C-alpha atoms as a PDB file:
ATOM      1  CA  UNK A   1      48.313  26.135  15.805  1.00  0.00           C
ATOM      2  CA  UNK A   2      44.645  24.842  16.503  1.00  0.00           C
ATOM      3  CA  UNK A   3      42.099  26.959  15.278  1.00  0.00           C
ATOM      4  CA  UNK A   4      39.510  28.431  17.647  1.00  0.00           C
ATOM      5  CA  UNK A   5      35.612  28.827  16.878  1.00  0.00           C
ATOM      6  CA  UNK A   6      34.175  32.177  17.173  1.00  0.00           C
ATOM      7  CA  UNK A   7      30.716  32.563  18.593  1.00  0.00           C
ATOM      8  CA  UNK A   8      29.426  33.043  14.984  1.00  0.00           C
ATOM      9  CA  UNK A   9      31.646  30.351  13.661  1.00  0.00           C
ATOM     10  CA  UNK A  10      30.560  27.664  16.283  1.00  0.00           C
ATOM     11  CA  UNK A  11      26.846  28.609  15.444  1.00  0.00           C
ATOM     12  CA  UNK A  12      27.418  28.167  11.733  1.00  0.00           C
ATOM     13  CA  UNK A  13      28.839  24.774  12.515  1.00  0.00           C
ATOM     14  CA  UNK A  14      26.050  23.642  14.727  1.00  0.00           C
ATOM     15  CA  UNK A  15      23.499  24.718  12.215  1.00  0.00           C
ATOM     16  CA  UNK A  16      25.557  22.579   9.609  1.00  0.00           C
ATOM     17  CA  UNK A  17      25.353  19.691  11.913  1.00  0.00           C
ATOM     18  CA  UNK A  18      21.553  19.983  12.340  1.00  0.00           C
ATOM     19  CA  UNK A  19      21.231  20.166   8.684  1.00  0.00           C
ATOM     20  CA  UNK A  20      23.185  17.254   8.057  1.00  0.00           C
ATOM     21  CA  UNK A  21      20.824  15.255  10.416  1.00  0.00           C
ATOM     22  CA  UNK A  22      17.915  16.451   8.537  1.00  0.00           C
ATOM     23  CA  UNK A  23      15.559  13.802   7.090  1.00  0.00           C
ATOM     24  CA  UNK A  24      16.893  10.882   9.348  1.00  0.00           C
ATOM     25  CA  UNK A  25      14.266   9.863  12.143  1.00  0.00           C
ATOM     26  CA  UNK A  26      16.142  10.110  15.438  1.00  0.00           C
ATOM     27  CA  UNK A  27      14.884   8.114  18.755  1.00  0.00           C
ATOM     28  CA  UNK A  28      12.465  10.739  19.404  1.00  0.00           C
ATOM     29  CA  UNK A  29      10.554  10.789  16.218  1.00  0.00           C
ATOM     30  CA  UNK A  30      10.534   6.825  15.756  1.00  0.00           C
ATOM     31  CA  UNK A  31       7.256   5.253  15.798  1.00  0.00           C
ATOM     32  CA  UNK A  32       8.004   3.268  19.007  1.00  0.00           C
ATOM     33  CA  UNK A  33       8.077   6.756  21.001  1.00  0.00           C
ATOM     34  CA  UNK A  34       4.879   7.879  19.952  1.00  0.00           C
ATOM     35  CA  UNK A  35       1.603   7.755  22.001  1.00  0.00           C
ATOM     36  CA  UNK A  36      -0.591   7.769  19.007  1.00  0.00           C
ATOM     37  CA  UNK A  37       0.157   6.762  15.532  1.00  0.00           C
ATOM     38  CA  UNK A  38      -1.363   8.639  12.529  1.00  0.00           C
ATOM     39  CA  UNK A  39      -1.440   5.798   9.703  1.00  0.00           C
ATOM     40  CA  UNK A  40      -1.886   6.602   6.133  1.00  0.00           C
ATOM     41  CA  UNK A  41      -4.365   4.468   4.290  1.00  0.00           C
ATOM     42  CA  UNK A  42      -6.434   4.545   1.095  1.00  0.00           C
ATOM     43  CA  UNK A  43     -10.050   5.571   1.324  1.00  0.00           C
ATOM     44  CA  UNK A  44     -10.989   4.390  -2.064  1.00  0.00           C
ATOM     45  CA  UNK A  45     -10.020   0.457  -2.351  1.00  0.00           C
ATOM     46  CA  UNK A  46     -12.633  -1.790  -1.286  1.00  0.00           C
ATOM     47  CA  UNK A  47     -11.444  -4.611   0.518  1.00  0.00           C
ATOM     48  CA  UNK A  48      -7.723  -3.127   0.800  1.00  0.00           C
ATOM     49  CA  UNK A  49      -8.601   0.326   2.326  1.00  0.00           C
ATOM     50  CA  UNK A  50     -11.984   2.119   2.313  1.00  0.00           C
ATOM     51  CA  UNK A  51     -13.591   4.948   4.223  1.00  0.00           C
ATOM     52  CA  UNK A  52     -17.066   3.692   5.232  1.00  0.00           C
ATOM     53  CA  UNK A  53     -20.118   6.126   5.361  1.00  0.00           C
ATOM     54  CA  UNK A  54     -19.932   6.394   9.190  1.00  0.00           C
ATOM     55  CA  UNK A  55     -16.155   7.800   8.610  1.00  0.00           C
ATOM     56  CA  UNK A  56     -14.146   4.339   9.918  1.00  0.00           C
ATOM     57  CA  UNK A  57     -11.754   2.976   7.712  1.00  0.00           C
ATOM     58  CA  UNK A  58     -12.088  -0.695   6.743  1.00  0.00           C
ATOM     59  CA  UNK A  59     -10.258  -3.301   4.741  1.00  0.00           C
ATOM     60  CA  UNK A  60      -6.962  -5.478   4.695  1.00  0.00           C
ATOM     61  CA  UNK A  61      -4.759  -2.558   5.195  1.00  0.00           C
ATOM     62  CA  UNK A  62      -6.468  -0.854   8.217  1.00  0.00           C
ATOM     63  CA  UNK A  63      -6.458  -4.248   9.749  1.00  0.00           C
ATOM     64  CA  UNK A  64      -2.824  -4.957   9.524  1.00  0.00           C
ATOM     65  CA  UNK A  65      -2.251  -1.542  10.749  1.00  0.00           C
ATOM     66  CA  UNK A  66      -4.171  -2.243  13.938  1.00  0.00           C
ATOM     67  CA  UNK A  67      -2.579  -5.727  14.166  1.00  0.00           C
ATOM     68  CA  UNK A  68       1.026  -4.251  13.896  1.00  0.00           C
ATOM     69  CA  UNK A  69       0.164  -1.385  16.311  1.00  0.00           C
ATOM     70  CA  UNK A  70      -0.997  -3.942  19.076  1.00  0.00           C
ATOM     71  CA  UNK A  71       2.606  -5.871  18.637  1.00  0.00           C
ATOM     72  CA  UNK A  72       4.644  -2.714  18.779  1.00  0.00           C
ATOM     73  CA  UNK A  73       4.586  -2.405  22.484  1.00  0.00           C
ATOM     74  CA  UNK A  74       4.774   0.607  24.734  1.00  0.00           C
ATOM     75  CA  UNK A  75       2.226   3.390  24.169  1.00  0.00           C
ATOM     76  CA  UNK A  76       2.028   2.914  20.526  1.00  0.00           C
ATOM     77  CA  UNK A  77      -1.677   1.476  20.493  1.00  0.00           C
ATOM     78  CA  UNK A  78      -3.870   4.419  19.822  1.00  0.00           C
ATOM     79  CA  UNK A  79      -4.275   4.837  15.796  1.00  0.00           C
ATOM     80  CA  UNK A  80      -5.689   7.536  13.977  1.00  0.00           C
ATOM     81  CA  UNK A  81      -6.215   6.967  10.203  1.00  0.00           C
ATOM     82  CA  UNK A  82      -5.586   9.752   7.665  1.00  0.00           C
ATOM     83  CA  UNK A  83      -6.245   9.508   3.818  1.00  0.00           C
ATOM     84  CA  UNK A  84      -3.373   9.337   1.359  1.00  0.00           C
ATOM     85  CA  UNK A  85      -3.339   8.684  -2.438  1.00  0.00           C
ATOM     86  CA  UNK A  86      -0.661   7.621  -4.720  1.00  0.00           C
ATOM     87  CA  UNK A  87       0.553  10.933  -5.318  1.00  0.00           C
ATOM     88  CA  UNK A  88       0.668  12.078  -1.501  1.00  0.00           C
ATOM     89  CA  UNK A  89       2.204   9.214   0.417  1.00  0.00           C
ATOM     90  CA  UNK A  90       5.928  10.129   0.315  1.00  0.00           C
ATOM     91  CA  UNK A  91       5.114  13.941   0.762  1.00  0.00           C
ATOM     92  CA  UNK A  92       2.705  13.071   4.075  1.00  0.00           C
ATOM     93  CA  UNK A  93       5.346  11.241   5.392  1.00  0.00           C
ATOM     94  CA  UNK A  94       8.266  13.461   5.025  1.00  0.00           C
ATOM     95  CA  UNK A  95       6.062  16.332   6.245  1.00  0.00           C
ATOM     96  CA  UNK A  96       4.769  14.580   9.407  1.00  0.00           C
ATOM     97  CA  UNK A  97       1.175  14.550   8.658  1.00  0.00           C
ATOM     98  CA  UNK A  98       1.581  10.679   8.884  1.00  0.00           C
ATOM     99  CA  UNK A  99       3.782   8.535  10.958  1.00  0.00           C
ATOM    100  CA  UNK A 100       3.229   5.395   8.911  1.00  0.00           C
ATOM    101  CA  UNK A 101       1.619   4.365   5.467  1.00  0.00           C
ATOM    102  CA  UNK A 102      -0.309   1.241   5.312  1.00  0.00           C
ATOM    103  CA  UNK A 103      -1.729   1.539   1.808  1.00  0.00           C
ATOM    104  CA  UNK A 104      -1.007  -0.871  -0.673  1.00  0.00           C
ATOM    105  CA  UNK A 105       2.352   0.567  -1.016  1.00  0.00           C
ATOM    106  CA  UNK A 106       4.744  -1.194  -3.309  1.00  0.00           C
ATOM    107  CA  UNK A 107       8.439  -1.194  -2.042  1.00  0.00           C
ATOM    108  CA  UNK A 108      10.283   0.279  -5.116  1.00  0.00           C
ATOM    109  CA  UNK A 109      14.058   1.281  -5.335  1.00  0.00           C
ATOM    110  CA  UNK A 110      12.790   5.022  -5.927  1.00  0.00           C
ATOM    111  CA  UNK A 111      10.636   5.005  -3.315  1.00  0.00           C
ATOM    112  CA  UNK A 112      13.162   3.630  -0.690  1.00  0.00           C
ATOM    113  CA  UNK A 113      15.432   6.555  -1.418  1.00  0.00           C
ATOM    114  CA  UNK A 114      12.971   8.609   0.573  1.00  0.00           C
ATOM    115  CA  UNK A 115      11.180   5.979   2.769  1.00  0.00           C
ATOM    116  CA  UNK A 116      12.175   3.329   5.197  1.00  0.00           C
ATOM    117  CA  UNK A 117       9.988   0.209   4.378  1.00  0.00           C
ATOM    118  CA  UNK A 118       9.055  -2.832   6.707  1.00  0.00           C
ATOM    119  CA  UNK A 119       8.039  -5.771   5.093  1.00  0.00           C
ATOM    120  CA  UNK A 120       6.461  -6.719   2.892  1.00  0.00           C
ATOM    121  CA  UNK A 121       3.453  -7.717   4.801  1.00  0.00           C
ATOM    122  CA  UNK A 122       1.928  -9.295   1.396  1.00  0.00           C
ATOM    123  CA  UNK A 123       3.487  -9.821  -2.122  1.00  0.00           C
ATOM    124  CA  UNK A 124       0.418  -8.928  -4.531  1.00  0.00           C
ATOM    125  CA  UNK A 125       0.706  -9.288  -8.260  1.00  0.00           C
ATOM    126  CA  UNK A 126      -0.468  -6.967 -11.041  1.00  0.00           C
ATOM    127  CA  UNK A 127      -3.296  -8.543 -12.874  1.00  0.00           C
ATOM    128  CA  UNK A 128      -6.354  -7.195 -15.018  1.00  0.00           C
ATOM    129  CA  UNK A 129     -10.105  -6.856 -13.997  1.00  0.00           C
ATOM    130  CA  UNK A 130     -12.657  -6.662 -16.582  1.00  0.00           C
ATOM    131  CA  UNK A 131     -16.608  -7.144 -16.891  1.00  0.00           C
ATOM    132  CA  UNK A 132     -17.213 -10.885 -16.827  1.00  0.00           C
ATOM    133  CA  UNK A 133     -18.644 -10.518 -20.313  1.00  0.00           C
ATOM    134  CA  UNK A 134     -15.526  -9.267 -21.676  1.00  0.00           C
ATOM    135  CA  UNK A 135     -13.030 -11.840 -19.979  1.00  0.00           C
ATOM    136  CA  UNK A 136     -12.641 -14.423 -22.769  1.00  0.00           C
ATOM    137  CA  UNK A 137     -11.269 -11.594 -24.980  1.00  0.00           C
ATOM    138  CA  UNK A 138      -8.316 -10.550 -22.501  1.00  0.00           C
ATOM    139  CA  UNK A 139      -6.165 -13.888 -21.773  1.00  0.00           C
ATOM    140  CA  UNK A 140      -3.457 -11.763 -20.735  1.00  0.00           C
ATOM    141  CA  UNK A 141      -1.844  -8.293 -20.854  1.00  0.00           C
ATOM    142  CA  UNK A 142      -1.553  -8.506 -24.401  1.00  0.00           C
ATOM    143  CA  UNK A 143      -5.246  -8.615 -24.778  1.00  0.00           C
ATOM    144  CA  UNK A 144      -5.627  -5.179 -23.737  1.00  0.00           C
ATOM    145  CA  UNK A 145      -3.974  -3.725 -26.982  1.00  0.00           C
ATOM    146  CA  UNK A 146      -6.200  -1.083 -28.351  1.00  0.00           C
ATOM    147  CA  UNK A 147      -8.362  -1.091 -25.508  1.00  0.00           C
ATOM    148  CA  UNK A 148      -9.282   1.684 -22.986  1.00  0.00           C
ATOM    149  CA  UNK A 149      -7.213   1.176 -19.543  1.00  0.00           C
ATOM    150  CA  UNK A 150      -7.866   3.260 -16.634  1.00  0.00           C
ATOM    151  CA  UNK A 151      -4.932   5.740 -15.275  1.00  0.00           C
ATOM    152  CA  UNK A 152      -4.466   6.746 -11.968  1.00  0.00           C
ATOM    153  CA  UNK A 153      -2.033   9.580 -11.195  1.00  0.00           C
ATOM    154  CA  UNK A 154       1.050   8.611  -9.142  1.00  0.00           C
ATOM    155  CA  UNK A 155       0.483   4.932  -9.629  1.00  0.00           C
ATOM    156  CA  UNK A 156       2.962   2.523 -11.503  1.00  0.00           C
ATOM    157  CA  UNK A 157       0.297   0.357 -12.746  1.00  0.00           C
ATOM    158  CA  UNK A 158      -0.307   2.176 -16.039  1.00  0.00           C
ATOM    159  CA  UNK A 159       3.089   2.810 -16.888  1.00  0.00           C
ATOM    160  CA  UNK A 160       4.034  -0.752 -16.412  1.00  0.00           C
ATOM    161  CA  UNK A 161       1.473  -1.901 -18.901  1.00  0.00           C
ATOM    162  CA  UNK A 162       2.043   0.623 -21.604  1.00  0.00           C
ATOM    163  CA  UNK A 163       5.864   1.499 -21.284  1.00  0.00           C
ATOM    164  CA  UNK A 164       7.313  -1.927 -19.611  1.00  0.00           C
ATOM    165  CA  UNK A 165       4.847  -3.968 -21.326  1.00  0.00           C
ATOM    166  CA  UNK A 166       4.767  -2.271 -24.657  1.00  0.00           C
ATOM    167  CA  UNK A 167       0.892  -2.557 -24.903  1.00  0.00           C
ATOM    168  CA  UNK A 168      -0.579   0.465 -26.815  1.00  0.00           C
ATOM    169  CA  UNK A 169      -3.569   1.129 -24.696  1.00  0.00           C
ATOM    170  CA  UNK A 170      -5.656   3.964 -24.657  1.00  0.00           C
ATOM    171  CA  UNK A 171      -5.661   6.094 -21.275  1.00  0.00           C
ATOM    172  CA  UNK A 172      -8.643   7.182 -19.299  1.00  0.00           C
ATOM    173  CA  UNK A 173      -7.592   9.154 -16.419  1.00  0.00           C
ATOM    174  CA  UNK A 174      -9.083   8.738 -13.213  1.00  0.00           C
ATOM    175  CA  UNK A 175      -8.112  11.827 -11.083  1.00  0.00           C
ATOM    176  CA  UNK A 176      -9.553  10.639  -7.469  1.00  0.00           C
ATOM    177  CA  UNK A 177      -7.841   6.918  -7.416  1.00  0.00           C
ATOM    178  CA  UNK A 178      -9.063   3.476  -8.217  1.00  0.00           C
ATOM    179  CA  UNK A 179     -12.554   4.021  -6.799  1.00  0.00           C
ATOM    180  CA  UNK A 180     -13.227   6.264  -9.689  1.00  0.00           C
ATOM    181  CA  UNK A 181     -11.576   3.531 -11.886  1.00  0.00           C
ATOM    182  CA  UNK A 182     -14.089   0.797 -10.745  1.00  0.00           C
ATOM    183  CA  UNK A 183     -16.988   3.384 -11.322  1.00  0.00           C
ATOM    184  CA  UNK A 184     -15.731   3.948 -15.067  1.00  0.00           C
ATOM    185  CA  UNK A 185     -15.666   0.125 -15.224  1.00  0.00           C
ATOM    186  CA  UNK A 186     -19.026  -0.451 -14.116  1.00  0.00           C
ATOM    187  CA  UNK A 187     -20.422   2.317 -16.408  1.00  0.00           C
ATOM    188  CA  UNK A 188     -18.732   0.936 -19.540  1.00  0.00           C
ATOM    189  CA  UNK A 189     -16.765   4.106 -19.788  1.00  0.00           C
ATOM    190  CA  UNK A 190     -13.336   2.059 -19.595  1.00  0.00           C
ATOM    191  CA  UNK A 191     -12.748  -1.535 -21.015  1.00  0.00           C
ATOM    192  CA  UNK A 192     -10.382  -2.905 -18.021  1.00  0.00           C
ATOM    193  CA  UNK A 193      -8.402  -1.708 -14.675  1.00  0.00           C
ATOM    194  CA  UNK A 194      -5.172  -3.100 -14.056  1.00  0.00           C
ATOM    195  CA  UNK A 195      -3.451  -2.838 -10.923  1.00  0.00           C
ATOM    196  CA  UNK A 196      -2.392  -5.000  -7.634  1.00  0.00           C
ATOM    197  CA  UNK A 197      -4.572  -8.201  -7.676  1.00  0.00           C
ATOM    198  CA  UNK A 198      -5.790  -7.600  -3.815  1.00  0.00           C
ATOM    199  CA  UNK A 199      -7.155  -4.024  -5.113  1.00  0.00           C
ATOM    200  CA  UNK A 200      -8.985  -5.818  -7.807  1.00  0.00           C
ATOM    201  CA  UNK A 201     -10.050  -8.635  -5.666  1.00  0.00           C
ATOM    202  CA  UNK A 202     -11.594  -6.403  -3.149  1.00  0.00           C
ATOM    203  CA  UNK A 203     -13.851  -4.689  -5.642  1.00  0.00           C
ATOM    204  CA  UNK A 204     -14.802  -8.005  -7.166  1.00  0.00           C
ATOM    205  CA  UNK A 205     -15.670  -9.371  -3.875  1.00  0.00           C
ATOM    206  CA  UNK A 206     -17.754  -6.326  -3.017  1.00  0.00           C
ATOM    207  CA  UNK A 207     -19.967  -6.548  -6.076  1.00  0.00           C
ATOM    208  CA  UNK A 208     -20.188 -10.242  -5.768  1.00  0.00           C
ATOM    209  CA  UNK A 209     -21.789  -9.499  -2.254  1.00  0.00           C
ATOM    210  CA  UNK A 210     -24.008  -6.935  -3.546  1.00  0.00           C
ATOM    211  CA  UNK A 211     -22.120  -4.277  -1.636  1.00  0.00           C
ATOM    212  CA  UNK A 212     -21.491  -2.383  -4.935  1.00  0.00           C
ATOM    213  CA  UNK A 213     -23.720  -1.884  -7.847  1.00  0.00           C
ATOM    214  CA  UNK A 214     -22.594  -3.001 -11.400  1.00  0.00           C
ATOM    215  CA  UNK A 215     -22.108  -5.858 -13.806  1.00  0.00           C
ATOM    216  CA  UNK A 216     -20.312  -9.048 -12.578  1.00  0.00           C
ATOM    217  CA  UNK A 217     -16.388  -8.437 -12.616  1.00  0.00           C
ATOM    218  CA  UNK A 218     -13.680 -11.047 -13.343  1.00  0.00           C
ATOM    219  CA  UNK A 219     -10.179 -11.104 -12.517  1.00  0.00           C
ATOM    220  CA  UNK A 220      -8.078 -12.308 -15.659  1.00  0.00           C
ATOM    221  CA  UNK A 221      -5.974 -14.441 -13.295  1.00  0.00           C
ATOM    222  CA  UNK A 222      -2.532 -13.567 -15.600  1.00  0.00           C
ATOM    223  CA  UNK A 223      -0.257 -11.792 -13.141  1.00  0.00           C
ATOM    224  CA  UNK A 224       2.629  -9.952 -14.520  1.00  0.00           C
ATOM    225  CA  UNK A 225       4.631  -8.464 -11.899  1.00  0.00           C
ATOM    226  CA  UNK A 226       5.151  -8.925  -8.203  1.00  0.00           C
ATOM    227  CA  UNK A 227       4.147  -5.940  -5.907  1.00  0.00           C
ATOM    228  CA  UNK A 228       5.520  -6.343  -2.341  1.00  0.00           C
ATOM    229  CA  UNK A 229       3.342  -4.524  -0.026  1.00  0.00           C
ATOM    230  CA  UNK A 230       5.472  -2.618   2.485  1.00  0.00           C
ATOM    231  CA  UNK A 231       4.695  -0.412   5.434  1.00  0.00           C
ATOM    232  CA  UNK A 232       6.484   3.047   5.172  1.00  0.00           C
ATOM    233  CA  UNK A 233       7.795   4.831   7.882  1.00  0.00           C
ATOM    234  CA  UNK A 234      10.022   8.047   8.041  1.00  0.00           C
ATOM    235  CA  UNK A 235      13.424   7.766   6.484  1.00  0.00           C
ATOM    236  CA  UNK A 236      15.865   6.409   9.021  1.00  0.00           C
ATOM    237  CA  UNK A 237      13.488   4.790  11.392  1.00  0.00           C
ATOM    238  CA  UNK A 238      15.456   1.548  11.633  1.00  0.00           C
ATOM    239  CA  UNK A 239      14.152   0.535  15.109  1.00  0.00           C
ATOM    240  CA  UNK A 240      10.439   1.157  14.063  1.00  0.00           C
ATOM    241  CA  UNK A 241      10.957  -0.626  10.976  1.00  0.00           C
ATOM    242  CA  UNK A 242      12.525  -3.808  12.805  1.00  0.00           C
ATOM    243  CA  UNK A 243       9.879  -3.881  15.204  1.00  0.00           C
ATOM    244  CA  UNK A 244       7.230  -3.721  12.531  1.00  0.00           C
ATOM    245  CA  UNK A 245       9.191  -6.759  10.681  1.00  0.00           C
ATOM    246  CA  UNK A 246       8.777  -8.724  13.998  1.00  0.00           C
ATOM    247  CA  UNK A 247       4.972  -8.055  14.410  1.00  0.00           C
ATOM    248  CA  UNK A 248       4.258  -8.982  10.795  1.00  0.00           C
ATOM    249  CA  UNK A 249       6.326 -12.499  11.254  1.00  0.00           C
ATOM    250  CA  UNK A 250       3.992 -12.956  14.457  1.00  0.00           C
ATOM    251  CA  UNK A 251       0.905 -12.025  12.070  1.00  0.00           C
ATOM    252  CA  UNK A 252       1.871 -15.249  10.045  1.00  0.00           C
ATOM    253  CA  UNK A 253       2.245 -17.680  12.714  1.00  0.00           C
ATOM    254  CA  UNK A 254      -0.275 -20.418  12.843  1.00  0.00           C
ATOM    255  CA  UNK A 255      -2.175 -20.534  16.323  1.00  0.00           C
ATOM    256  CA  UNK A 256      -1.537 -23.306  18.600  1.00  0.00           C
ATOM    257  CA  UNK A 257      -5.059 -24.908  17.624  1.00  0.00           C
ATOM    258  CA  UNK A 258      -3.659 -25.203  14.015  1.00  0.00           C
ATOM    259  CA  UNK A 259      -5.979 -22.540  12.969  1.00  0.00           C
ATOM    260  CA  UNK A 260      -5.334 -19.929  10.112  1.00  0.00           C
ATOM    261  CA  UNK A 261      -2.881 -17.218  11.015  1.00  0.00           C
ATOM    262  CA  UNK A 262      -4.217 -13.591  11.444  1.00  0.00           C
ATOM    263  CA  UNK A 263      -2.854 -12.822   8.329  1.00  0.00           C
ATOM    264  CA  UNK A 264      -4.491 -15.380   6.355  1.00  0.00           C
ATOM    265  CA  UNK A 265      -7.812 -15.120   8.388  1.00  0.00           C
ATOM    266  CA  UNK A 266      -7.778 -11.300   7.212  1.00  0.00           C
ATOM    267  CA  UNK A 267      -7.078 -12.284   3.465  1.00  0.00           C
ATOM    268  CA  UNK A 268     -10.056 -14.523   3.611  1.00  0.00           C
ATOM    269  CA  UNK A 269     -12.261 -12.082   5.448  1.00  0.00           C
ATOM    270  CA  UNK A 270     -11.691  -9.373   2.661  1.00  0.00           C
ATOM    271  CA  UNK A 271     -10.919 -11.317  -0.671  1.00  0.00           C
ATOM    272  CA  UNK A 272     -12.412 -14.800  -0.296  1.00  0.00           C
ATOM    273  CA  UNK A 273     -15.507 -13.838  -2.338  1.00  0.00           C
ATOM    274  CA  UNK A 274     -13.222 -13.246  -5.435  1.00  0.00           C
ATOM    275  CA  UNK A 275     -11.711 -16.673  -5.252  1.00  0.00           C
ATOM    276  CA  UNK A 276      -8.385 -15.213  -5.543  1.00  0.00           C
ATOM    277  CA  UNK A 277      -5.204 -17.474  -4.547  1.00  0.00           C
ATOM    278  CA  UNK A 278      -3.433 -15.834  -1.839  1.00  0.00           C
ATOM    279  CA  UNK A 279      -0.208 -16.778  -0.063  1.00  0.00           C
ATOM    280  CA  UNK A 280      -0.075 -17.870   3.403  1.00  0.00           C
ATOM    281  CA  UNK A 281       3.542 -17.756   4.412  1.00  0.00           C
ATOM    282  CA  UNK A 282       5.379 -14.730   5.543  1.00  0.00           C
ATOM    283  CA  UNK A 283       6.891 -12.938   2.998  1.00  0.00           C
ATOM    284  CA  UNK A 284      10.834 -12.376   2.650  1.00  0.00           C
ATOM    285  CA  UNK A 285      11.628  -8.929   4.280  1.00  0.00           C
ATOM    286  CA  UNK A 286      13.707  -6.658   2.315  1.00  0.00           C
ATOM    287  CA  UNK A 287      15.479  -5.025   5.011  1.00  0.00           C
ATOM    288  CA  UNK A 288      15.355  -1.834   6.888  1.00  0.00           C
ATOM    289  CA  UNK A 289      17.741   0.480   4.925  1.00  0.00           C
END
C-alpha cells in the first residue's frame, strides 16, 4: 500500500529538499545572470590589488576582473569592488557579500571544498622579498633560518616556510595583510616577506618607481612552490566557472598584429619594473568542480 503524505509531512519533505540544495548555486544565482557583479579584491597588495586614495581599486587582479566581465556576455558588465582579506574570502562568497573573488586566491584542495574555482588565470610562485642590502645572505628559503618573517593571518605562505619547509623562522604578525608586512620591511622591523612572487614584485616595482618610500627591495628569485591563482565563485556555479575559463583563454590569445596578449600586457604594466620573469601562455585549467 502506497503511503500518502499528510500536509505537515509534505511540508517537511519540501524543507528537506530545499536544505539539500542549500550551498549549490542555481541558475538564478550564477554570475552569468546578474546585472552587477560584486568582486572581492585585495586592498593592500601593490601591483596585484590596491585601493587607491580616490577609492578606486587598481592592479593586475582588478584589471583581470574587468577584462573577464567584458567577456561574460549578457548584463554582467557592471562591476563593484569590495575589499577582502585572506581570512574573509570564503565567508564573503558563502554569505553572498561578493559574487566573485579575484584576489591572489590560490586554488587548494581545502578551498575547493567550499568554493568553485575558474582558472587559474596565472600561476605564481612563492618567493622571498628582502631589502637589497640583505639579499646576498638569503640565496634561498634556507637562508631565512633564525630570521624574522612576516606572518599574515589566513595566508598559507608563512606555514609553508616554517612547517612544510621546516625552516625555523621567527614570526612577526601583521594583522592587516601584506601591506603592513611591507611597511615592517621598510622600517627594518622584519627581515623578510615571503609570499607569491606577483605580490612581492608589485611592491618592489612600486618602490623602484618612487611610488612608495623605503629602501631598495629585491626578490631572491628562488621560487619554492606553485600558486595557481583562481577566480572564486559560489560553490556549484559551473556555468559561471566555464564562461570565466573561456574568457581567460581569450585573454592569453595574441592579437592579430602579433602584439602581446592582453594578459601579458597587464603583467608588464604592473610588474615590469621588478624584472620578474612571467609566463605568457594560458595556464592549465583545473576544472570546474
